[in-house]
Structures are given as C-alpha cells and as structure tokens.
Amino acid sequence: MASQHLSAPPPASGLVHVNVRHDTHYVVAGNHLAQHRKLTLEAKGLALYLQSLPAGASVGIKAIAAAHPNSELLVARALRQLEAFGYLKRVRGTAAGRPVRAPDDLVQPAGG
C-alpha cells in the first residue's frame, strides 16, 4: 500500500473539515445563520430544514413536529426565535372576519 504524502502536518487539535462537493440535494446557508450566537441550535437546524423544503410545503408546527423527533413546544419555540431575529416572516390577516395566516416565508437578512 502506498504511503500518503501530506503537504502540511495535521493540526494538533481542533476542528478538521472534510469537505465533499454536493452537486444535488443540498442547502446553502450563510454564516450569519450558522454562527448566530443568540439562536439555539434547534432554531438553526429548523432554519436549514425549512430552506431544504420546496416552495408551498406545509410548515406548520404540527406538521414539522410530526416529521421529526421534536415536540410541538420545541418547534414553536424555534419558529418564534427565527421570527424574532428576522429569519422567518409569518403573515397574518383576516378573511371573512376570521383570522388567517399566509404561508411562512424564510428570509435571509442582509448582514445578520
């Protein structure tokens, strides 16, 4: 077996990235989301999940919780966090005197 010749010694400690290029079925997320210090890991993961869904997908609390091993309470908290920090916009209104909600929009704030 041939020996490997590395151009640089491996780091003594810390994170080592093993990057694999994906040509299909991937999501691009900005560092403003990934490294946001006030968002929980649950909210960040939910944001990535929402970005991976096709337009028009059902993104209600019950639907998300049913598809994952997370409680409705955790999903609701994560959605509120995303909304509070501007990553999710939920549009509410009325129709025929009854409250209705338009589909949720996942947004990527500039800067972050």
PDB file of N, CA and C in Angstrom:
ATOM      1  N   MET A   1       0.843  -1.170   0.000  1.00  0.00           N
ATOM      2  CA  MET A   1       0.000   0.000   0.000  1.00  0.00           C
ATOM      3  C   MET A   1       0.890   1.235   0.000  1.00  0.00           C
ATOM      4  N   ALA A   2       0.587   2.184  -0.856  1.00  0.00           N
ATOM      5  CA  ALA A   2       1.378   3.409  -0.966  1.00  0.00           C
ATOM      6  C   ALA A   2       1.129   4.300   0.234  1.00  0.00           C
ATOM      7  N   SER A   3       2.182   4.976   0.678  1.00  0.00           N
ATOM      8  CA  SER A   3       2.009   5.884   1.809  1.00  0.00           C
ATOM      9  C   SER A   3       1.491   7.226   1.330  1.00  0.00           C
ATOM     10  N   GLN A   4       0.769   7.924   2.211  1.00  0.00           N
ATOM     11  CA  GLN A   4       0.245   9.243   1.881  1.00  0.00           C
ATOM     12  C   GLN A   4       1.319  10.281   2.131  1.00  0.00           C
ATOM     13  N   HIS A   5       1.391  11.268   1.256  1.00  0.00           N
ATOM     14  CA  HIS A   5       2.314  12.379   1.421  1.00  0.00           C
ATOM     15  C   HIS A   5       1.488  13.640   1.585  1.00  0.00           C
ATOM     16  N   LEU A   6       1.399  14.130   2.795  1.00  0.00           N
ATOM     17  CA  LEU A   6       0.637  15.338   3.070  1.00  0.00           C
ATOM     18  C   LEU A   6       1.538  16.551   2.920  1.00  0.00           C
ATOM     19  N   SER A   7       0.981  17.630   2.395  1.00  0.00           N
ATOM     20  CA  SER A   7       1.768  18.842   2.198  1.00  0.00           C
ATOM     21  C   SER A   7       1.954  19.631   3.486  1.00  0.00           C
ATOM     22  N   ALA A   8       1.130  19.389   4.466  1.00  0.00           N
ATOM     23  CA  ALA A   8       1.247  20.085   5.744  1.00  0.00           C
ATOM     24  C   ALA A   8       0.890  19.108   6.855  1.00  0.00           C
ATOM     25  N   PRO A   9       1.509  19.255   8.001  1.00  0.00           N
ATOM     26  CA  PRO A   9       1.162  18.357   9.108  1.00  0.00           C
ATOM     27  C   PRO A   9      -0.257  18.634   9.592  1.00  0.00           C
ATOM     28  N   PRO A  10      -0.941  17.613  10.067  1.00  0.00           N
ATOM     29  CA  PRO A  10      -2.297  17.843  10.587  1.00  0.00           C
ATOM     30  C   PRO A  10      -2.241  18.712  11.836  1.00  0.00           C
ATOM     31  N   PRO A  11      -3.314  19.467  12.096  1.00  0.00           N
ATOM     32  CA  PRO A  11      -3.323  20.303  13.299  1.00  0.00           C
ATOM     33  C   PRO A  11      -3.264  19.433  14.553  1.00  0.00           C
ATOM     34  N   ALA A  12      -2.651  19.971  15.600  1.00  0.00           N
ATOM     35  CA  ALA A  12      -2.521  19.233  16.858  1.00  0.00           C
ATOM     36  C   ALA A  12      -3.882  18.978  17.495  1.00  0.00           C
ATOM     37  N   SER A  13      -4.789  19.925  17.352  1.00  0.00           N
ATOM     38  CA  SER A  13      -6.124  19.753  17.908  1.00  0.00           C
ATOM     39  C   SER A  13      -7.072  20.702  17.197  1.00  0.00           C
ATOM     40  N   GLY A  14      -8.352  20.528  17.438  1.00  0.00           N
ATOM     41  CA  GLY A  14      -9.348  21.411  16.835  1.00  0.00           C
ATOM     42  C   GLY A  14     -10.077  20.745  15.685  1.00  0.00           C
ATOM     43  N   LEU A  15     -10.961  21.487  15.124  1.00  0.00           N
ATOM     44  CA  LEU A  15     -11.823  21.012  14.053  1.00  0.00           C
ATOM     45  C   LEU A  15     -11.049  20.810  12.761  1.00  0.00           C
ATOM     46  N   VAL A  16     -11.296  19.696  12.112  1.00  0.00           N
ATOM     47  CA  VAL A  16     -10.735  19.423  10.794  1.00  0.00           C
ATOM     48  C   VAL A  16     -11.914  19.228   9.853  1.00  0.00           C
ATOM     49  N   HIS A  17     -11.967  19.998   8.786  1.00  0.00           N
ATOM     50  CA  HIS A  17     -13.054  19.883   7.813  1.00  0.00           C
ATOM     51  C   HIS A  17     -12.716  18.832   6.765  1.00  0.00           C
ATOM     52  N   VAL A  18     -13.656  17.968   6.481  1.00  0.00           N
ATOM     53  CA  VAL A  18     -13.553  17.043   5.362  1.00  0.00           C
ATOM     54  C   VAL A  18     -14.662  17.465   4.414  1.00  0.00           C
ATOM     55  N   ASN A  19     -14.316  18.260   3.422  1.00  0.00           N
ATOM     56  CA  ASN A  19     -15.311  18.840   2.529  1.00  0.00           C
ATOM     57  C   ASN A  19     -15.583  17.924   1.346  1.00  0.00           C
ATOM     58  N   VAL A  20     -16.854  17.699   1.088  1.00  0.00           N
ATOM     59  CA  VAL A  20     -17.297  16.906  -0.050  1.00  0.00           C
ATOM     60  C   VAL A  20     -18.211  17.788  -0.878  1.00  0.00           C
ATOM     61  N   ARG A  21     -17.940  17.905  -2.155  1.00  0.00           N
ATOM     62  CA  ARG A  21     -18.762  18.740  -3.026  1.00  0.00           C
ATOM     63  C   ARG A  21     -20.084  18.029  -3.325  1.00  0.00           C
ATOM     64  N   HIS A  22     -21.183  18.758  -3.148  1.00  0.00           N
ATOM     65  CA  HIS A  22     -22.514  18.231  -3.452  1.00  0.00           C
ATOM     66  C   HIS A  22     -23.038  18.946  -4.687  1.00  0.00           C
ATOM     67  N   ASP A  23     -23.466  18.172  -5.675  1.00  0.00           N
ATOM     68  CA  ASP A  23     -23.996  18.765  -6.895  1.00  0.00           C
ATOM     69  C   ASP A  23     -25.520  18.797  -6.904  1.00  0.00           C
ATOM     70  N   THR A  24     -26.153  17.997  -6.061  1.00  0.00           N
ATOM     71  CA  THR A  24     -27.614  17.980  -5.954  1.00  0.00           C
ATOM     72  C   THR A  24     -28.003  17.787  -4.491  1.00  0.00           C
ATOM     73  N   HIS A  25     -29.238  18.108  -4.178  1.00  0.00           N
ATOM     74  CA  HIS A  25     -29.813  17.888  -2.850  1.00  0.00           C
ATOM     75  C   HIS A  25     -28.975  18.509  -1.733  1.00  0.00           C
ATOM     76  N   TYR A  26     -28.758  19.787  -1.801  1.00  0.00           N
ATOM     77  CA  TYR A  26     -28.016  20.479  -0.756  1.00  0.00           C
ATOM     78  C   TYR A  26     -28.645  21.838  -0.491  1.00  0.00           C
ATOM     79  N   VAL A  27     -28.315  22.416   0.641  1.00  0.00           N
ATOM     80  CA  VAL A  27     -28.802  23.733   1.053  1.00  0.00           C
ATOM     81  C   VAL A  27     -27.593  24.609   1.330  1.00  0.00           C
ATOM     82  N   VAL A  28     -27.662  25.852   0.893  1.00  0.00           N
ATOM     83  CA  VAL A  28     -26.607  26.815   1.190  1.00  0.00           C
ATOM     84  C   VAL A  28     -27.113  27.711   2.313  1.00  0.00           C
ATOM     85  N   ALA A  29     -26.327  27.833   3.356  1.00  0.00           N
ATOM     86  CA  ALA A  29     -26.701  28.692   4.484  1.00  0.00           C
ATOM     87  C   ALA A  29     -25.558  29.651   4.777  1.00  0.00           C
ATOM     88  N   GLY A  30     -25.919  30.863   5.101  1.00  0.00           N
ATOM     89  CA  GLY A  30     -24.911  31.865   5.407  1.00  0.00           C
ATOM     90  C   GLY A  30     -24.346  31.703   6.809  1.00  0.00           C
ATOM     91  N   ASN A  31     -23.132  32.194   6.982  1.00  0.00           N
ATOM     92  CA  ASN A  31     -22.519  32.168   8.308  1.00  0.00           C
ATOM     93  C   ASN A  31     -23.306  33.003   9.309  1.00  0.00           C
ATOM     94  N   HIS A  32     -24.046  34.005   8.820  1.00  0.00           N
ATOM     95  CA  HIS A  32     -24.853  34.815   9.740  1.00  0.00           C
ATOM     96  C   HIS A  32     -25.863  33.953  10.473  1.00  0.00           C
ATOM     97  N   LEU A  33     -26.345  32.908   9.836  1.00  0.00           N
ATOM     98  CA  LEU A  33     -27.259  31.975  10.492  1.00  0.00           C
ATOM     99  C   LEU A  33     -26.472  30.934  11.290  1.00  0.00           C
ATOM    100  N   ALA A  34     -25.516  30.307  10.655  1.00  0.00           N
ATOM    101  CA  ALA A  34     -24.775  29.215  11.291  1.00  0.00           C
ATOM    102  C   ALA A  34     -24.048  29.658  12.560  1.00  0.00           C
ATOM    103  N   GLN A  35     -23.563  30.890  12.581  1.00  0.00           N
ATOM    104  CA  GLN A  35     -22.772  31.350  13.716  1.00  0.00           C
ATOM    105  C   GLN A  35     -23.503  32.364  14.599  1.00  0.00           C
ATOM    106  N   HIS A  36     -24.819  32.481  14.397  1.00  0.00           N
ATOM    107  CA  HIS A  36     -25.616  33.415  15.199  1.00  0.00           C
ATOM    108  C   HIS A  36     -25.564  32.977  16.656  1.00  0.00           C
ATOM    109  N   ARG A  37     -25.095  33.835  17.525  1.00  0.00           N
ATOM    110  CA  ARG A  37     -24.863  33.455  18.925  1.00  0.00           C
ATOM    111  C   ARG A  37     -26.124  33.455  19.784  1.00  0.00           C
ATOM    112  N   LYS A  38     -27.192  34.073  19.321  1.00  0.00           N
ATOM    113  CA  LYS A  38     -28.405  34.130  20.142  1.00  0.00           C
ATOM    114  C   LYS A  38     -29.464  33.122  19.712  1.00  0.00           C
ATOM    115  N   LEU A  39     -29.288  32.489  18.567  1.00  0.00           N
ATOM    116  CA  LEU A  39     -30.214  31.448  18.124  1.00  0.00           C
ATOM    117  C   LEU A  39     -29.779  30.109  18.706  1.00  0.00           C
ATOM    118  N   THR A  40     -30.744  29.322  19.154  1.00  0.00           N
ATOM    119  CA  THR A  40     -30.424  27.981  19.644  1.00  0.00           C
ATOM    120  C   THR A  40     -30.060  27.086  18.468  1.00  0.00           C
ATOM    121  N   LEU A  41     -29.407  25.986  18.789  1.00  0.00           N
ATOM    122  CA  LEU A  41     -29.084  25.017  17.745  1.00  0.00           C
ATOM    123  C   LEU A  41     -30.360  24.458  17.123  1.00  0.00           C
ATOM    124  N   GLU A  42     -31.422  24.336  17.911  1.00  0.00           N
ATOM    125  CA  GLU A  42     -32.695  23.859  17.369  1.00  0.00           C
ATOM    126  C   GLU A  42     -33.227  24.820  16.312  1.00  0.00           C
ATOM    127  N   ALA A  43     -33.160  26.122  16.590  1.00  0.00           N
ATOM    128  CA  ALA A  43     -33.650  27.114  15.630  1.00  0.00           C
ATOM    129  C   ALA A  43     -32.810  27.104  14.359  1.00  0.00           C
ATOM    130  N   LYS A  44     -31.497  26.975  14.507  1.00  0.00           N
ATOM    131  CA  LYS A  44     -30.622  26.927  13.329  1.00  0.00           C
ATOM    132  C   LYS A  44     -30.923  25.689  12.486  1.00  0.00           C
ATOM    133  N   GLY A  45     -31.094  24.559  13.149  1.00  0.00           N
ATOM    134  CA  GLY A  45     -31.421  23.330  12.426  1.00  0.00           C
ATOM    135  C   GLY A  45     -32.765  23.427  11.736  1.00  0.00           C
ATOM    136  N   LEU A  46     -33.734  24.028  12.403  1.00  0.00           N
ATOM    137  CA  LEU A  46     -35.051  24.199  11.794  1.00  0.00           C
ATOM    138  C   LEU A  46     -34.967  25.120  10.585  1.00  0.00           C
ATOM    139  N   ALA A  47     -34.164  26.178  10.682  1.00  0.00           N
ATOM    140  CA  ALA A  47     -33.998  27.081   9.539  1.00  0.00           C
ATOM    141  C   ALA A  47     -33.422  26.330   8.343  1.00  0.00           C
ATOM    142  N   LEU A  48     -32.436  25.485   8.571  1.00  0.00           N
ATOM    143  CA  LEU A  48     -31.862  24.693   7.480  1.00  0.00           C
ATOM    144  C   LEU A  48     -32.900  23.742   6.901  1.00  0.00           C
ATOM    145  N   TYR A  49     -33.673  23.102   7.784  1.00  0.00           N
ATOM    146  CA  TYR A  49     -34.722  22.197   7.314  1.00  0.00           C
ATOM    147  C   TYR A  49     -35.734  22.944   6.451  1.00  0.00           C
ATOM    148  N   LEU A  50     -36.174  24.117   6.919  1.00  0.00           N
ATOM    149  CA  LEU A  50     -37.153  24.896   6.160  1.00  0.00           C
ATOM    150  C   LEU A  50     -36.591  25.312   4.803  1.00  0.00           C
ATOM    151  N   GLN A  51     -35.303  25.669   4.767  1.00  0.00           N
ATOM    152  CA  GLN A  51     -34.693  26.051   3.492  1.00  0.00           C
ATOM    153  C   GLN A  51     -34.629  24.878   2.527  1.00  0.00           C
ATOM    154  N   SER A  52     -34.592  23.668   3.047  1.00  0.00           N
ATOM    155  CA  SER A  52     -34.480  22.496   2.183  1.00  0.00           C
ATOM    156  C   SER A  52     -35.808  22.081   1.566  1.00  0.00           C
ATOM    157  N   LEU A  53     -36.907  22.615   2.088  1.00  0.00           N
ATOM    158  CA  LEU A  53     -38.232  22.227   1.596  1.00  0.00           C
ATOM    159  C   LEU A  53     -38.588  22.961   0.311  1.00  0.00           C
ATOM    160  N   PRO A  54     -39.398  22.329  -0.537  1.00  0.00           N
ATOM    161  CA  PRO A  54     -39.850  23.028  -1.740  1.00  0.00           C
ATOM    162  C   PRO A  54     -40.866  24.115  -1.393  1.00  0.00           C
ATOM    163  N   ALA A  55     -40.997  25.082  -2.259  1.00  0.00           N
ATOM    164  CA  ALA A  55     -41.988  26.149  -2.071  1.00  0.00           C
ATOM    165  C   ALA A  55     -43.374  25.522  -1.938  1.00  0.00           C
ATOM    166  N   GLY A  56     -44.163  26.035  -1.009  1.00  0.00           N
ATOM    167  CA  GLY A  56     -45.520  25.539  -0.813  1.00  0.00           C
ATOM    168  C   GLY A  56     -45.631  24.381   0.166  1.00  0.00           C
ATOM    169  N   ALA A  57     -44.510  23.910   0.701  1.00  0.00           N
ATOM    170  CA  ALA A  57     -44.548  22.797   1.656  1.00  0.00           C
ATOM    171  C   ALA A  57     -45.261  23.231   2.935  1.00  0.00           C
ATOM    172  N   SER A  58     -45.884  22.280   3.606  1.00  0.00           N
ATOM    173  CA  SER A  58     -46.572  22.557   4.863  1.00  0.00           C
ATOM    174  C   SER A  58     -45.537  22.735   5.967  1.00  0.00           C
ATOM    175  N   VAL A  59     -45.532  23.925   6.582  1.00  0.00           N
ATOM    176  CA  VAL A  59     -44.537  24.210   7.615  1.00  0.00           C
ATOM    177  C   VAL A  59     -45.191  24.625   8.930  1.00  0.00           C
ATOM    178  N   GLY A  60     -46.352  24.073   9.200  1.00  0.00           N
ATOM    179  CA  GLY A  60     -47.000  24.339  10.476  1.00  0.00           C
ATOM    180  C   GLY A  60     -46.293  23.592  11.601  1.00  0.00           C
ATOM    181  N   ILE A  61     -46.531  24.026  12.811  1.00  0.00           N
ATOM    182  CA  ILE A  61     -45.894  23.418  13.979  1.00  0.00           C
ATOM    183  C   ILE A  61     -46.201  21.930  14.051  1.00  0.00           C
ATOM    184  N   LYS A  62     -47.453  21.563  13.874  1.00  0.00           N
ATOM    185  CA  LYS A  62     -47.846  20.158  13.964  1.00  0.00           C
ATOM    186  C   LYS A  62     -47.191  19.318  12.873  1.00  0.00           C
ATOM    187  N   ALA A  63     -47.138  19.842  11.647  1.00  0.00           N
ATOM    188  CA  ALA A  63     -46.536  19.097  10.536  1.00  0.00           C
ATOM    189  C   ALA A  63     -45.041  18.879  10.756  1.00  0.00           C
ATOM    190  N   ILE A  64     -44.356  19.904  11.228  1.00  0.00           N
ATOM    191  CA  ILE A  64     -42.912  19.783  11.463  1.00  0.00           C
ATOM    192  C   ILE A  64     -42.643  18.802  12.599  1.00  0.00           C
ATOM    193  N   ALA A  65     -43.390  18.930  13.697  1.00  0.00           N
ATOM    194  CA  ALA A  65     -43.189  18.041  14.844  1.00  0.00           C
ATOM    195  C   ALA A  65     -43.513  16.594  14.488  1.00  0.00           C
ATOM    196  N   ALA A  66     -44.518  16.386  13.645  1.00  0.00           N
ATOM    197  CA  ALA A  66     -44.887  15.027  13.253  1.00  0.00           C
ATOM    198  C   ALA A  66     -43.798  14.363  12.412  1.00  0.00           C
ATOM    199  N   ALA A  67     -43.021  15.160  11.695  1.00  0.00           N
ATOM    200  CA  ALA A  67     -41.984  14.622  10.814  1.00  0.00           C
ATOM    201  C   ALA A  67     -40.636  14.457  11.510  1.00  0.00           C
ATOM    202  N   HIS A  68     -40.535  14.895  12.766  1.00  0.00           N
ATOM    203  CA  HIS A  68     -39.253  14.875  13.474  1.00  0.00           C
ATOM    204  C   HIS A  68     -39.443  14.443  14.923  1.00  0.00           C
ATOM    205  N   PRO A  69     -38.360  14.047  15.583  1.00  0.00           N
ATOM    206  CA  PRO A  69     -38.470  13.621  16.983  1.00  0.00           C
ATOM    207  C   PRO A  69     -38.436  14.789  17.968  1.00  0.00           C
ATOM    208  N   ASN A  70     -39.048  15.900  17.587  1.00  0.00           N
ATOM    209  CA  ASN A  70     -39.099  17.078  18.452  1.00  0.00           C
ATOM    210  C   ASN A  70     -40.543  17.375  18.813  1.00  0.00           C
ATOM    211  N   SER A  71     -40.736  17.918  19.997  1.00  0.00           N
ATOM    212  CA  SER A  71     -42.087  18.245  20.442  1.00  0.00           C
ATOM    213  C   SER A  71     -42.609  19.489  19.725  1.00  0.00           C
ATOM    214  N   GLU A  72     -43.920  19.639  19.739  1.00  0.00           N
ATOM    215  CA  GLU A  72     -44.529  20.842  19.170  1.00  0.00           C
ATOM    216  C   GLU A  72     -44.038  22.080  19.910  1.00  0.00           C
ATOM    217  N   LEU A  73     -43.824  21.957  21.211  1.00  0.00           N
ATOM    218  CA  LEU A  73     -43.337  23.083  22.009  1.00  0.00           C
ATOM    219  C   LEU A  73     -41.957  23.537  21.528  1.00  0.00           C
ATOM    220  N   LEU A  74     -41.054  22.588  21.303  1.00  0.00           N
ATOM    221  CA  LEU A  74     -39.715  22.936  20.832  1.00  0.00           C
ATOM    222  C   LEU A  74     -39.779  23.569  19.444  1.00  0.00           C
ATOM    223  N   VAL A  75     -40.597  23.012  18.560  1.00  0.00           N
ATOM    224  CA  VAL A  75     -40.742  23.566  17.209  1.00  0.00           C
ATOM    225  C   VAL A  75     -41.289  24.986  17.285  1.00  0.00           C
ATOM    226  N   ALA A  76     -42.302  25.200  18.119  1.00  0.00           N
ATOM    227  CA  ALA A  76     -42.890  26.538  18.260  1.00  0.00           C
ATOM    228  C   ALA A  76     -41.861  27.537  18.774  1.00  0.00           C
ATOM    229  N   ARG A  77     -41.063  27.123  19.759  1.00  0.00           N
ATOM    230  CA  ARG A  77     -40.005  28.000  20.292  1.00  0.00           C
ATOM    231  C   ARG A  77     -38.998  28.368  19.210  1.00  0.00           C
ATOM    232  N   ALA A  78     -38.580  27.375  18.446  1.00  0.00           N
ATOM    233  CA  ALA A  78     -37.595  27.616  17.389  1.00  0.00           C
ATOM    234  C   ALA A  78     -38.164  28.547  16.318  1.00  0.00           C
ATOM    235  N   LEU A  79     -39.426  28.358  15.948  1.00  0.00           N
ATOM    236  CA  LEU A  79     -40.054  29.246  14.965  1.00  0.00           C
ATOM    237  C   LEU A  79     -40.134  30.676  15.492  1.00  0.00           C
ATOM    238  N   ARG A  80     -40.477  30.828  16.768  1.00  0.00           N
ATOM    239  CA  ARG A  80     -40.533  32.174  17.360  1.00  0.00           C
ATOM    240  C   ARG A  80     -39.160  32.839  17.359  1.00  0.00           C
ATOM    241  N   GLN A  81     -38.121  32.067  17.646  1.00  0.00           N
ATOM    242  CA  GLN A  81     -36.762  32.622  17.599  1.00  0.00           C
ATOM    243  C   GLN A  81     -36.417  33.096  16.194  1.00  0.00           C
ATOM    244  N   LEU A  82     -36.698  32.267  15.206  1.00  0.00           N
ATOM    245  CA  LEU A  82     -36.390  32.643  13.822  1.00  0.00           C
ATOM    246  C   LEU A  82     -37.152  33.899  13.424  1.00  0.00           C
ATOM    247  N   GLU A  83     -38.387  34.005  13.884  1.00  0.00           N
ATOM    248  CA  GLU A  83     -39.192  35.190  13.596  1.00  0.00           C
ATOM    249  C   GLU A  83     -38.626  36.417  14.328  1.00  0.00           C
ATOM    250  N   ALA A  84     -38.250  36.250  15.586  1.00  0.00           N
ATOM    251  CA  ALA A  84     -37.738  37.371  16.386  1.00  0.00           C
ATOM    252  C   ALA A  84     -36.452  37.950  15.811  1.00  0.00           C
ATOM    253  N   PHE A  85     -35.619  37.111  15.217  1.00  0.00           N
ATOM    254  CA  PHE A  85     -34.348  37.582  14.668  1.00  0.00           C
ATOM    255  C   PHE A  85     -34.414  37.852  13.168  1.00  0.00           C
ATOM    256  N   GLY A  86     -35.623  37.822  12.606  1.00  0.00           N
ATOM    257  CA  GLY A  86     -35.796  38.211  11.214  1.00  0.00           C
ATOM    258  C   GLY A  86     -35.533  37.137  10.179  1.00  0.00           C
ATOM    259  N   TYR A  87     -35.416  35.889  10.587  1.00  0.00           N
ATOM    260  CA  TYR A  87     -35.189  34.802   9.636  1.00  0.00           C
ATOM    261  C   TYR A  87     -36.488  34.192   9.122  1.00  0.00           C
ATOM    262  N   LEU A  88     -37.586  34.480   9.783  1.00  0.00           N
ATOM    263  CA  LEU A  88     -38.882  33.941   9.389  1.00  0.00           C
ATOM    264  C   LEU A  88     -39.900  35.053   9.486  1.00  0.00           C
ATOM    265  N   LYS A  89     -40.726  35.158   8.468  1.00  0.00           N
ATOM    266  CA  LYS A  89     -41.781  36.170   8.470  1.00  0.00           C
ATOM    267  C   LYS A  89     -43.108  35.443   8.339  1.00  0.00           C
ATOM    268  N   ARG A  90     -43.959  35.608   9.344  1.00  0.00           N
ATOM    269  CA  ARG A  90     -45.285  34.994   9.302  1.00  0.00           C
ATOM    270  C   ARG A  90     -46.299  36.096   9.064  1.00  0.00           C
ATOM    271  N   VAL A  91     -47.044  35.968   7.994  1.00  0.00           N
ATOM    272  CA  VAL A  91     -48.008  36.991   7.601  1.00  0.00           C
ATOM    273  C   VAL A  91     -49.386  36.569   8.086  1.00  0.00           C
ATOM    274  N   ARG A  92     -49.996  37.457   8.849  1.00  0.00           N
ATOM    275  CA  ARG A  92     -51.334  37.178   9.376  1.00  0.00           C
ATOM    276  C   ARG A  92     -52.310  38.216   8.833  1.00  0.00           C
ATOM    277  N   GLY A  93     -53.548  37.831   8.693  1.00  0.00           N
ATOM    278  CA  GLY A  93     -54.570  38.750   8.217  1.00  0.00           C
ATOM    279  C   GLY A  93     -55.947  38.205   8.546  1.00  0.00           C
ATOM    280  N   THR A  94     -56.964  38.771   7.924  1.00  0.00           N
ATOM    281  CA  THR A  94     -58.321  38.278   8.125  1.00  0.00           C
ATOM    282  C   THR A  94     -58.992  38.087   6.775  1.00  0.00           C
ATOM    283  N   ALA A  95     -59.880  37.122   6.736  1.00  0.00           N
ATOM    284  CA  ALA A  95     -60.695  36.864   5.555  1.00  0.00           C
ATOM    285  C   ALA A  95     -62.079  36.490   6.059  1.00  0.00           C
ATOM    286  N   ALA A  96     -63.076  37.189   5.582  1.00  0.00           N
ATOM    287  CA  ALA A  96     -64.453  36.957   6.014  1.00  0.00           C
ATOM    288  C   ALA A  96     -64.566  37.052   7.536  1.00  0.00           C
ATOM    289  N   GLY A  97     -63.809  37.987   8.127  1.00  0.00           N
ATOM    290  CA  GLY A  97     -63.883  38.204   9.562  1.00  0.00           C
ATOM    291  C   GLY A  97     -63.165  37.175  10.415  1.00  0.00           C
ATOM    292  N   ARG A  98     -62.481  36.233   9.791  1.00  0.00           N
ATOM    293  CA  ARG A  98     -61.776  35.191  10.542  1.00  0.00           C
ATOM    294  C   ARG A  98     -60.270  35.369  10.372  1.00  0.00           C
ATOM    295  N   PRO A  99     -59.508  35.121  11.438  1.00  0.00           N
ATOM    296  CA  PRO A  99     -58.051  35.235  11.298  1.00  0.00           C
ATOM    297  C   PRO A  99     -57.499  34.136  10.396  1.00  0.00           C
ATOM    298  N   VAL A 100     -56.599  34.506   9.523  1.00  0.00           N
ATOM    299  CA  VAL A 100     -55.945  33.544   8.629  1.00  0.00           C
ATOM    300  C   VAL A 100     -54.456  33.856   8.606  1.00  0.00           C
ATOM    301  N   ARG A 101     -53.696  32.868   8.199  1.00  0.00           N
ATOM    302  CA  ARG A 101     -52.260  33.055   8.038  1.00  0.00           C
ATOM    303  C   ARG A 101     -51.877  32.720   6.614  1.00  0.00           C
ATOM    304  N   ALA A 102     -51.054  33.554   6.050  1.00  0.00           N
ATOM    305  CA  ALA A 102     -50.468  33.247   4.752  1.00  0.00           C
ATOM    306  C   ALA A 102     -49.310  32.282   4.995  1.00  0.00           C
ATOM    307  N   PRO A 103     -48.812  31.648   3.943  1.00  0.00           N
ATOM    308  CA  PRO A 103     -47.655  30.763   4.139  1.00  0.00           C
ATOM    309  C   PRO A 103     -46.478  31.517   4.752  1.00  0.00           C
ATOM    310  N   ASP A 104     -45.679  30.812   5.526  1.00  0.00           N
ATOM    311  CA  ASP A 104     -44.500  31.415   6.149  1.00  0.00           C
ATOM    312  C   ASP A 104     -43.410  31.621   5.103  1.00  0.00           C
ATOM    313  N   ASP A 105     -42.660  32.685   5.264  1.00  0.00           N
ATOM    314  CA  ASP A 105     -41.536  32.967   4.381  1.00  0.00           C
ATOM    315  C   ASP A 105     -40.257  32.883   5.183  1.00  0.00           C
ATOM    316  N   LEU A 106     -39.297  32.115   4.702  1.00  0.00           N
ATOM    317  CA  LEU A 106     -37.985  32.077   5.330  1.00  0.00           C
ATOM    318  C   LEU A 106     -37.133  33.119   4.637  1.00  0.00           C
ATOM    319  N   VAL A 107     -36.592  34.019   5.405  1.00  0.00           N
ATOM    320  CA  VAL A 107     -35.811  35.107   4.816  1.00  0.00           C
ATOM    321  C   VAL A 107     -34.378  35.032   5.317  1.00  0.00           C
ATOM    322  N   GLN A 108     -33.480  35.585   4.531  1.00  0.00           N
ATOM    323  CA  GLN A 108     -32.077  35.649   4.918  1.00  0.00           C
ATOM    324  C   GLN A 108     -31.707  37.110   5.057  1.00  0.00           C
ATOM    325  N   PRO A 109     -31.649  37.610   6.283  1.00  0.00           N
ATOM    326  CA  PRO A 109     -31.330  39.023   6.463  1.00  0.00           C
ATOM    327  C   PRO A 109     -29.936  39.357   5.945  1.00  0.00           C
ATOM    328  N   ALA A 110     -29.812  40.546   5.397  1.00  0.00           N
ATOM    329  CA  ALA A 110     -28.502  41.010   4.955  1.00  0.00           C
ATOM    330  C   ALA A 110     -27.646  41.249   6.184  1.00  0.00           C
ATOM    331  N   GLY A 111     -26.417  40.881   6.109  1.00  0.00           N
ATOM    332  CA  GLY A 111     -25.528  41.062   7.264  1.00  0.00           C
ATOM    333  C   GLY A 111     -25.769  40.000   8.303  1.00  0.00           C
ATOM    334  N   GLY A 112     -26.665  40.245   9.206  1.00  0.00           N
ATOM    335  CA  GLY A 112     -27.050  39.230  10.147  1.00  0.00           C
ATOM    336  C   GLY A 112     -26.456  39.398  11.475  1.00  0.00           C
TER     337      GLY A 112
END
